[in-house]
Structure formats: C-alpha cells, structure tokens
C-alpha atoms as a PDB file:
ATOM      1  CA  MET A   1      82.896  35.751 135.351  1.00  0.00           C
ATOM      2  CA  THR A   2      86.223  35.451 134.217  1.00  0.00           C
ATOM      3  CA  HIS A   3      87.644  34.746 130.298  1.00  0.00           C
ATOM      4  CA  ASP A   4      88.777  31.359 131.273  1.00  0.00           C
ATOM      5  CA  ARG A   5      85.863  30.301 133.072  1.00  0.00           C
ATOM      6  CA  THR A   6      83.637  31.240 130.302  1.00  0.00           C
ATOM      7  CA  THR A   7      85.983  29.393 127.799  1.00  0.00           C
ATOM      8  CA  GLN A   8      85.612  26.254 130.013  1.00  0.00           C
ATOM      9  CA  ASN A   9      82.155  26.656 130.123  1.00  0.00           C
ATOM     10  CA  ASP A  10      81.862  27.086 126.230  1.00  0.00           C
ATOM     11  CA  GLN A  11      83.764  23.928 126.351  1.00  0.00           C
ATOM     12  CA  LEU A  12      81.397  22.098 128.753  1.00  0.00           C
ATOM     13  CA  TYR A  13      78.599  23.376 126.377  1.00  0.00           C
ATOM     14  CA  ARG A  14      80.459  21.533 122.972  1.00  0.00           C
ATOM     15  CA  TYR A  15      80.841  18.472 124.826  1.00  0.00           C
ATOM     16  CA  GLU A  16      77.217  18.086 126.318  1.00  0.00           C
ATOM     17  CA  ILE A  17      75.785  18.746 123.036  1.00  0.00           C
ATOM     18  CA  THR A  18      77.920  16.466 121.380  1.00  0.00           C
ATOM     19  CA  ALA A  19      77.517  13.450 123.691  1.00  0.00           C
ATOM     20  CA  ALA A  20      73.848  13.729 123.426  1.00  0.00           C
ATOM     21  CA  MET A  21      74.098  13.840 119.734  1.00  0.00           C
ATOM     22  CA  ASN A  22      76.066  11.442 119.575  1.00  0.00           C
ATOM     23  CA  ALA A  23      73.501   9.230 121.582  1.00  0.00           C
ATOM     24  CA  VAL A  24      70.734  10.254 119.023  1.00  0.00           C
ATOM     25  CA  VAL A  25      73.609   9.093 116.260  1.00  0.00           C
ATOM     26  CA  ARG A  26      74.037   6.111 117.808  1.00  0.00           C
ATOM     27  CA  THR A  27      70.413   4.941 118.698  1.00  0.00           C
ATOM     28  CA  CYS A  28      69.610   5.216 114.967  1.00  0.00           C
ATOM     29  CA  ALA A  29      72.737   3.393 114.158  1.00  0.00           C
ATOM     30  CA  ASP A  30      70.724   0.178 116.604  1.00  0.00           C
ATOM     31  CA  ILE A  31      67.782   0.871 114.943  1.00  0.00           C
ATOM     32  CA  VAL A  32      69.096   0.408 111.492  1.00  0.00           C
ATOM     33  CA  ARG A  33      71.234  -2.911 112.641  1.00  0.00           C
ATOM     34  CA  ASP A  34      68.750  -4.552 114.759  1.00  0.00           C
ATOM     35  CA  HIS A  35      65.455  -3.856 112.645  1.00  0.00           C
ATOM     36  CA  SER A  36      66.250  -2.878 109.173  1.00  0.00           C
ATOM     37  CA  HIS A  37      67.296  -4.943 106.287  1.00  0.00           C
ATOM     38  CA  ARG A  38      68.996  -2.748 103.292  1.00  0.00           C
ATOM     39  CA  GLY A  39      67.862   0.243 104.419  1.00  0.00           C
ATOM     40  CA  PHE A  40      63.921  -1.271 105.219  1.00  0.00           C
ATOM     41  CA  TRP A  41      62.108  -1.221 108.593  1.00  0.00           C
ATOM     42  CA  THR A  42      61.410  -5.179 109.210  1.00  0.00           C
ATOM     43  CA  PRO A  43      59.373  -5.250 111.576  1.00  0.00           C
ATOM     44  CA  HIS A  44      59.190  -7.713 114.867  1.00  0.00           C
ATOM     45  CA  THR A  45      55.888  -9.272 114.706  1.00  0.00           C
ATOM     46  CA  THR A  46      54.644 -12.373 115.863  1.00  0.00           C
ATOM     47  CA  THR A  47      53.037 -13.458 113.019  1.00  0.00           C
ATOM     48  CA  ASP A  48      53.308 -13.067 109.105  1.00  0.00           C
ATOM     49  CA  GLN A  49      50.296 -11.645 108.364  1.00  0.00           C
ATOM     50  CA  ALA A  50      50.786  -8.981 110.771  1.00  0.00           C
ATOM     51  CA  THR A  51      47.849  -6.448 110.971  1.00  0.00           C
ATOM     52  CA  HIS A  52      48.407  -2.605 110.629  1.00  0.00           C
ATOM     53  CA  GLN A  53      47.601  -2.781 114.392  1.00  0.00           C
ATOM     54  CA  ASP A  54      50.709  -5.251 115.109  1.00  0.00           C
ATOM     55  CA  LEU A  55      52.801  -3.236 112.959  1.00  0.00           C
ATOM     56  CA  ILE A  56      52.138   0.052 114.506  1.00  0.00           C
ATOM     57  CA  GLU A  57      52.812  -1.987 117.899  1.00  0.00           C
ATOM     58  CA  ALA A  58      55.915  -2.932 116.509  1.00  0.00           C
ATOM     59  CA  ALA A  59      56.910   0.838 114.686  1.00  0.00           C
ATOM     60  CA  ARG A  60      56.628   1.856 118.562  1.00  0.00           C
ATOM     61  CA  LYS A  61      58.782  -0.900 120.280  1.00  0.00           C
ATOM     62  CA  ASP A  62      61.141  -0.874 117.870  1.00  0.00           C
ATOM     63  CA  VAL A  63      61.952   2.266 116.588  1.00  0.00           C
ATOM     64  CA  LEU A  64      59.673   5.261 117.544  1.00  0.00           C
ATOM     65  CA  ASN A  65      60.045   4.918 121.082  1.00  0.00           C
ATOM     66  CA  HIS A  66      63.992   4.646 121.354  1.00  0.00           C
ATOM     67  CA  LEU A  67      64.174   7.575 118.883  1.00  0.00           C
ATOM     68  CA  GLN A  68      61.515   9.921 120.981  1.00  0.00           C
ATOM     69  CA  MET A  69      63.188   9.305 124.237  1.00  0.00           C
ATOM     70  CA  VAL A  70      66.746  10.050 122.971  1.00  0.00           C
ATOM     71  CA  ILE A  71      65.373  13.078 120.864  1.00  0.00           C
ATOM     72  CA  GLN A  72      63.954  14.150 124.179  1.00  0.00           C
ATOM     73  CA  CYS A  73      67.106  14.208 125.969  1.00  0.00           C
ATOM     74  CA  ALA A  74      69.371  15.552 123.030  1.00  0.00           C
ATOM     75  CA  GLU A  75      66.494  18.802 123.325  1.00  0.00           C
ATOM     76  CA  THR A  76      66.509  18.701 127.074  1.00  0.00           C
ATOM     77  CA  VAL A  77      70.551  18.923 127.273  1.00  0.00           C
ATOM     78  CA  ALA A  78      70.026  22.119 124.529  1.00  0.00           C
ATOM     79  CA  TYR A  79      67.733  23.669 126.410  1.00  0.00           C
ATOM     80  CA  ALA A  80      69.775  23.594 129.600  1.00  0.00           C
ATOM     81  CA  ILE A  81      72.944  24.985 127.646  1.00  0.00           C
ATOM     82  CA  GLU A  82      70.333  27.955 126.366  1.00  0.00           C
ATOM     83  CA  GLN A  83      69.047  28.760 129.870  1.00  0.00           C
ATOM     84  CA  ASP A  84      72.411  28.369 131.480  1.00  0.00           C
ATOM     85  CA  ARG A  85      73.851  30.911 128.881  1.00  0.00           C
ATOM     86  CA  GLN A  86      70.748  33.045 129.207  1.00  0.00           C
ATOM     87  CA  ARG A  87      71.790  33.285 133.268  1.00  0.00           C
ATOM     88  CA  GLN A  88      75.333  34.354 132.507  1.00  0.00           C
ATOM     89  CA  PRO A  89      75.880  38.237 132.703  1.00  0.00           C
ATOM     90  CA  ASN A  90      77.460  40.228 129.808  1.00  0.00           C
ATOM     91  CA  LYS A  91      77.552  36.959 127.691  1.00  0.00           C
ATOM     92  CA  PRO A  92      76.987  37.586 124.094  1.00  0.00           C
ATOM     93  CA  THR A  93      75.308  34.586 122.171  1.00  0.00           C
ATOM     94  CA  GLU A  94      76.964  32.297 119.358  1.00  0.00           C
END
C-alpha cells in the first residue's frame, strides 16, 4: 500500500471514529435534555406513584436502550477499524 493510501485510510479512520463518538455524545445530550431536570433523571411514567417496575421500564425506554444502541454502534466502528488495520501489510499500530 502506498504512503498516500495509508495516510488517506488513517484520515478516514479518524473521521469514522469521530463520527461514532459524536453520535454517543449527541445521544447523551438528547437524553439529558429530554429526560432530566437539573442533572437528575425525570422518568416518564404513567402515574405519579410509579412502582419499581414502572421505573425500570422507564429507565430502559428513556435512557438505557438508547445508550446501549449507540455505544454498540461505536464499538462496531472501532472493531471494524481495528480489523481493517490488522489486514494492512506492514502497517505499524499507533
């Protein structure tokens, strides 16, 4: 692989991981904006006297599922980059 091609791939890797991490940060910001007040989670439940099960369901729906999905996507991007770098001959890791 030529030096120019390697440099181009490295730049693409940086763009990909940056975009993936930006998605994580944006999701966190969206969750804070939509599901908190002054830094504390405000669950969206159907009743003021929510049971522990209501709170668990709200936590999953409001926060956990969104975070898990975006984190898994970022991990997938990172893994794909690592695998691609390993396939490149004579490419030192950073």
